[in-house]
Amino acid sequence: MVAQEIKIINEKGLHARAAAKLVNLASKYQSRIHLRKDSQISNAKSILGILILAACKGDVLELNVNGADEEEALVAIINLFNSKFQEEE
């Protein structure tokens, strides 16, 4: 298992469009991928689970990835967050 903290840097946080991009990316990997905000843990392959986190700009999430392709998945998801979900603000 690999884990890393990720800070949300895009203005709108993990809104529906960003959550959909995350789910699409996470679903490409075999690994189990979870996001944690405070005491809430959500499956990163579930749009509802991500939206329930209600993560806003400045929030720090813990990303946990466990499986055969965990390193690749971790890097890809971090890159998505760092790219501000490829959205113009």
Protein backbone atom coordinates (compact mmCIF):
# COMPACT_ATOMS: atom_id res chain seq x y z
CA MET A 1 0.00 0.00 0.00
CA VAL A 2 1.11 3.53 -0.77
CA ALA A 3 -0.32 6.71 0.69
CA GLN A 4 0.16 10.42 0.27
CA GLU A 5 -1.53 13.60 1.36
CA ILE A 6 -2.99 15.77 -1.40
CA LYS A 7 -4.05 19.38 -1.03
CA ILE A 8 -6.95 20.57 -3.14
CA ILE A 9 -5.72 23.60 -5.05
CA ASN A 10 -8.49 24.22 -7.58
CA GLU A 11 -11.03 26.94 -6.77
CA LYS A 12 -14.15 24.75 -6.86
CA GLY A 13 -12.78 21.82 -4.86
CA LEU A 14 -14.03 18.32 -5.57
CA HIS A 15 -17.22 19.37 -7.33
CA ALA A 16 -19.18 17.05 -9.64
CA ARG A 17 -17.06 17.52 -12.78
CA ALA A 18 -13.77 17.09 -10.91
CA ALA A 19 -15.17 14.06 -9.06
CA ALA A 20 -16.21 12.49 -12.37
CA LYS A 21 -12.69 12.95 -13.76
CA LEU A 22 -11.25 11.34 -10.63
CA VAL A 23 -13.65 8.37 -10.84
CA ASN A 24 -12.84 7.87 -14.55
CA LEU A 25 -9.12 7.88 -13.81
CA ALA A 26 -9.29 5.70 -10.69
CA SER A 27 -11.46 3.15 -12.49
CA LYS A 28 -8.66 2.47 -14.96
CA TYR A 29 -6.61 0.83 -12.20
CA GLN A 30 -7.03 -2.54 -10.51
CA SER A 31 -5.86 -1.20 -7.16
CA ARG A 32 -8.22 -0.22 -4.39
CA ILE A 33 -8.14 3.57 -4.13
CA HIS A 34 -9.55 5.52 -1.20
CA LEU A 35 -9.62 9.15 -0.15
CA ARG A 36 -9.81 10.19 3.46
CA LYS A 37 -10.94 13.54 4.82
CA ASP A 38 -10.87 13.75 8.59
CA SER A 39 -12.63 10.54 9.73
CA GLN A 40 -14.53 9.98 6.45
CA ILE A 41 -13.13 7.43 3.98
CA SER A 42 -14.52 7.14 0.46
CA ASN A 43 -13.87 4.88 -2.51
CA ALA A 44 -12.27 6.96 -5.26
CA LYS A 45 -14.13 4.86 -7.85
CA SER A 46 -17.50 6.08 -6.51
CA ILE A 47 -18.68 9.54 -7.54
CA LEU A 48 -21.16 9.63 -4.66
CA GLY A 49 -18.45 8.66 -2.21
CA ILE A 50 -16.23 11.47 -3.43
CA LEU A 51 -19.00 14.06 -3.34
CA ILE A 52 -19.91 13.06 0.22
CA LEU A 53 -16.43 14.20 1.31
CA ALA A 54 -17.47 17.78 0.45
CA ALA A 55 -13.82 18.66 -0.10
CA CYS A 56 -13.10 22.33 -0.77
CA LYS A 57 -10.09 24.33 -1.87
CA GLY A 58 -7.39 24.11 0.78
CA ASP A 59 -8.58 20.79 2.22
CA VAL A 60 -5.94 18.09 2.62
CA LEU A 61 -6.98 14.56 1.74
CA GLU A 62 -5.13 11.34 2.34
CA LEU A 63 -4.88 9.17 -0.77
CA ASN A 64 -4.45 5.43 -0.11
CA VAL A 65 -3.79 3.02 -2.96
CA ASN A 66 -3.38 -0.73 -2.56
CA GLY A 67 -2.84 -3.23 -5.37
CA ALA A 68 -0.72 -4.40 -8.26
CA ASP A 69 -0.62 -1.03 -10.01
CA GLU A 70 -0.62 1.16 -6.89
CA GLU A 71 2.45 3.26 -7.74
CA GLU A 72 1.16 4.11 -11.21
CA ALA A 73 -2.30 4.94 -9.87
CA LEU A 74 -0.90 7.13 -7.09
CA VAL A 75 1.18 9.20 -9.51
CA ALA A 76 -1.69 9.58 -12.00
CA ILE A 77 -4.13 10.76 -9.32
CA ILE A 78 -1.63 13.19 -7.81
CA ASN A 79 -1.03 14.61 -11.28
CA LEU A 80 -4.78 15.06 -11.78
CA PHE A 81 -5.09 17.00 -8.51
CA ASN A 82 -1.99 19.09 -9.32
CA SER A 83 -3.39 19.93 -12.76
CA LYS A 84 -6.48 21.38 -11.02
CA PHE A 85 -8.49 18.63 -12.73
CA GLN A 86 -7.55 20.12 -16.11
CA GLU A 87 -10.08 22.89 -15.69
CA GLU A 88 -9.68 26.58 -16.37
CA GLU A 89 -10.62 28.74 -13.43
